[in-house]
């Protein structure tokens, strides 16, 4: 069943959903181009175990973004050969 309600923000621009949802729920707010707001329940976060030696990459947004860019460029065939790196292998 659909419900519509007029909600007013408080002095800190918050609205209350009391009576509509259970306490502790998370939501995604989408602001559309036409100025309307859509509030949808967020899906529960999926916890993924990351090896400790790779954790830094997930915490470093610049490095993660650079890696994503490199993977995308490689998939598009934008590759440059730098020769063998065998001498650096352990």
C-alpha atoms as a PDB file:
ATOM      1  CA  UNK A   1       0.000   0.000   0.000  1.00  0.00           C
ATOM      2  CA  UNK A   2       1.363   3.435  -0.931  1.00  0.00           C
ATOM      3  CA  UNK A   3       1.449   6.319   1.513  1.00  0.00           C
ATOM      4  CA  UNK A   4       2.081   9.993   0.968  1.00  0.00           C
ATOM      5  CA  UNK A   5       2.975  12.419   3.716  1.00  0.00           C
ATOM      6  CA  UNK A   6       4.176  15.981   4.007  1.00  0.00           C
ATOM      7  CA  UNK A   7       7.403  16.030   5.999  1.00  0.00           C
ATOM      8  CA  UNK A   8       8.954  19.217   7.339  1.00  0.00           C
ATOM      9  CA  UNK A   9      12.657  19.611   8.049  1.00  0.00           C
ATOM     10  CA  UNK A  10      13.788  20.652  11.516  1.00  0.00           C
ATOM     11  CA  UNK A  11      16.333  23.396  12.276  1.00  0.00           C
ATOM     12  CA  UNK A  12      19.166  21.080  11.159  1.00  0.00           C
ATOM     13  CA  UNK A  13      17.477  20.090   7.844  1.00  0.00           C
ATOM     14  CA  UNK A  14      16.507  16.633   9.137  1.00  0.00           C
ATOM     15  CA  UNK A  15      13.226  14.832   8.589  1.00  0.00           C
ATOM     16  CA  UNK A  16      11.735  12.104  10.750  1.00  0.00           C
ATOM     17  CA  UNK A  17      10.469   8.844   9.296  1.00  0.00           C
ATOM     18  CA  UNK A  18       9.063   7.720  12.634  1.00  0.00           C
ATOM     19  CA  UNK A  19       5.964   5.643  12.061  1.00  0.00           C
ATOM     20  CA  UNK A  20       7.024   4.747   8.519  1.00  0.00           C
ATOM     21  CA  UNK A  21      10.164   2.623   9.013  1.00  0.00           C
ATOM     22  CA  UNK A  22      11.928   0.603  11.658  1.00  0.00           C
ATOM     23  CA  UNK A  23      14.758   2.176  13.649  1.00  0.00           C
ATOM     24  CA  UNK A  24      18.274   1.639  12.313  1.00  0.00           C
ATOM     25  CA  UNK A  25      17.391   1.158   8.646  1.00  0.00           C
ATOM     26  CA  UNK A  26      19.673   2.659   5.993  1.00  0.00           C
ATOM     27  CA  UNK A  27      18.448   4.464   2.895  1.00  0.00           C
ATOM     28  CA  UNK A  28      19.762   5.763  -0.409  1.00  0.00           C
ATOM     29  CA  UNK A  29      18.610   9.268  -1.319  1.00  0.00           C
ATOM     30  CA  UNK A  30      18.415  10.057  -5.037  1.00  0.00           C
ATOM     31  CA  UNK A  31      17.923  13.659  -6.112  1.00  0.00           C
ATOM     32  CA  UNK A  32      16.421  13.732  -9.595  1.00  0.00           C
ATOM     33  CA  UNK A  33      17.009  16.415 -12.214  1.00  0.00           C
ATOM     34  CA  UNK A  34      13.415  17.597 -11.845  1.00  0.00           C
ATOM     35  CA  UNK A  35      14.027  18.353  -8.138  1.00  0.00           C
ATOM     36  CA  UNK A  36      12.201  15.358  -6.675  1.00  0.00           C
ATOM     37  CA  UNK A  37      13.741  13.146  -4.012  1.00  0.00           C
ATOM     38  CA  UNK A  38      13.513   9.371  -3.955  1.00  0.00           C
ATOM     39  CA  UNK A  39      14.280   7.555  -0.712  1.00  0.00           C
ATOM     40  CA  UNK A  40      14.834   3.806  -1.109  1.00  0.00           C
ATOM     41  CA  UNK A  41      15.952   1.174   1.388  1.00  0.00           C
ATOM     42  CA  UNK A  42      19.669   0.445   1.065  1.00  0.00           C
ATOM     43  CA  UNK A  43      20.744  -3.106   0.466  1.00  0.00           C
ATOM     44  CA  UNK A  44      22.772  -4.587   3.318  1.00  0.00           C
ATOM     45  CA  UNK A  45      26.485  -4.116   2.853  1.00  0.00           C
ATOM     46  CA  UNK A  46      28.385  -7.173   1.768  1.00  0.00           C
ATOM     47  CA  UNK A  47      31.487  -7.722   3.836  1.00  0.00           C
ATOM     48  CA  UNK A  48      34.471  -8.871   1.846  1.00  0.00           C
ATOM     49  CA  UNK A  49      37.699 -10.103   3.367  1.00  0.00           C
ATOM     50  CA  UNK A  50      40.710  -8.421   1.810  1.00  0.00           C
ATOM     51  CA  UNK A  51      44.247  -9.743   2.309  1.00  0.00           C
ATOM     52  CA  UNK A  52      46.266  -7.448   4.610  1.00  0.00           C
ATOM     53  CA  UNK A  53      48.860  -6.820   1.897  1.00  0.00           C
ATOM     54  CA  UNK A  54      46.107  -5.489  -0.429  1.00  0.00           C
ATOM     55  CA  UNK A  55      44.237  -3.457   2.188  1.00  0.00           C
ATOM     56  CA  UNK A  56      46.218  -0.300   1.416  1.00  0.00           C
ATOM     57  CA  UNK A  57      44.898  -0.279  -2.148  1.00  0.00           C
ATOM     58  CA  UNK A  58      41.276  -0.336  -0.973  1.00  0.00           C
ATOM     59  CA  UNK A  59      41.989   2.481   1.483  1.00  0.00           C
ATOM     60  CA  UNK A  60      43.934   4.658  -0.989  1.00  0.00           C
ATOM     61  CA  UNK A  61      41.376   6.164  -3.367  1.00  0.00           C
ATOM     62  CA  UNK A  62      43.974   7.691  -5.695  1.00  0.00           C
ATOM     63  CA  UNK A  63      45.819   4.381  -6.120  1.00  0.00           C
ATOM     64  CA  UNK A  64      42.559   2.467  -6.555  1.00  0.00           C
ATOM     65  CA  UNK A  65      41.366   4.953  -9.182  1.00  0.00           C
ATOM     66  CA  UNK A  66      44.700   4.696 -11.015  1.00  0.00           C
ATOM     67  CA  UNK A  67      44.492   0.905 -11.033  1.00  0.00           C
ATOM     68  CA  UNK A  68      40.916   1.011 -12.358  1.00  0.00           C
ATOM     69  CA  UNK A  69      42.042   3.389 -15.119  1.00  0.00           C
ATOM     70  CA  UNK A  70      44.922   1.084 -16.065  1.00  0.00           C
ATOM     71  CA  UNK A  71      42.656  -1.964 -16.212  1.00  0.00           C
ATOM     72  CA  UNK A  72      40.186  -0.061 -18.399  1.00  0.00           C
ATOM     73  CA  UNK A  73      42.940   1.153 -20.749  1.00  0.00           C
ATOM     74  CA  UNK A  74      44.378  -2.362 -21.021  1.00  0.00           C
ATOM     75  CA  UNK A  75      40.934  -3.716 -21.904  1.00  0.00           C
ATOM     76  CA  UNK A  76      40.707  -1.062 -24.647  1.00  0.00           C
ATOM     77  CA  UNK A  77      44.111  -2.134 -26.030  1.00  0.00           C
ATOM     78  CA  UNK A  78      45.873   1.040 -24.926  1.00  0.00           C
ATOM     79  CA  UNK A  79      49.128  -0.702 -23.992  1.00  0.00           C
ATOM     80  CA  UNK A  80      52.756   0.386 -24.092  1.00  0.00           C
ATOM     81  CA  UNK A  81      55.518  -2.221 -23.866  1.00  0.00           C
ATOM     82  CA  UNK A  82      58.175  -1.387 -21.277  1.00  0.00           C
ATOM     83  CA  UNK A  83      60.210  -4.514 -21.953  1.00  0.00           C
ATOM     84  CA  UNK A  84      60.990  -7.292 -19.501  1.00  0.00           C
ATOM     85  CA  UNK A  85      60.807  -6.747 -15.771  1.00  0.00           C
ATOM     86  CA  UNK A  86      62.331 -10.167 -15.048  1.00  0.00           C
ATOM     87  CA  UNK A  87      65.374  -8.633 -13.354  1.00  0.00           C
ATOM     88  CA  UNK A  88      63.085  -7.160 -10.680  1.00  0.00           C
ATOM     89  CA  UNK A  89      61.388 -10.463  -9.870  1.00  0.00           C
ATOM     90  CA  UNK A  90      62.201 -12.039  -6.527  1.00  0.00           C
END
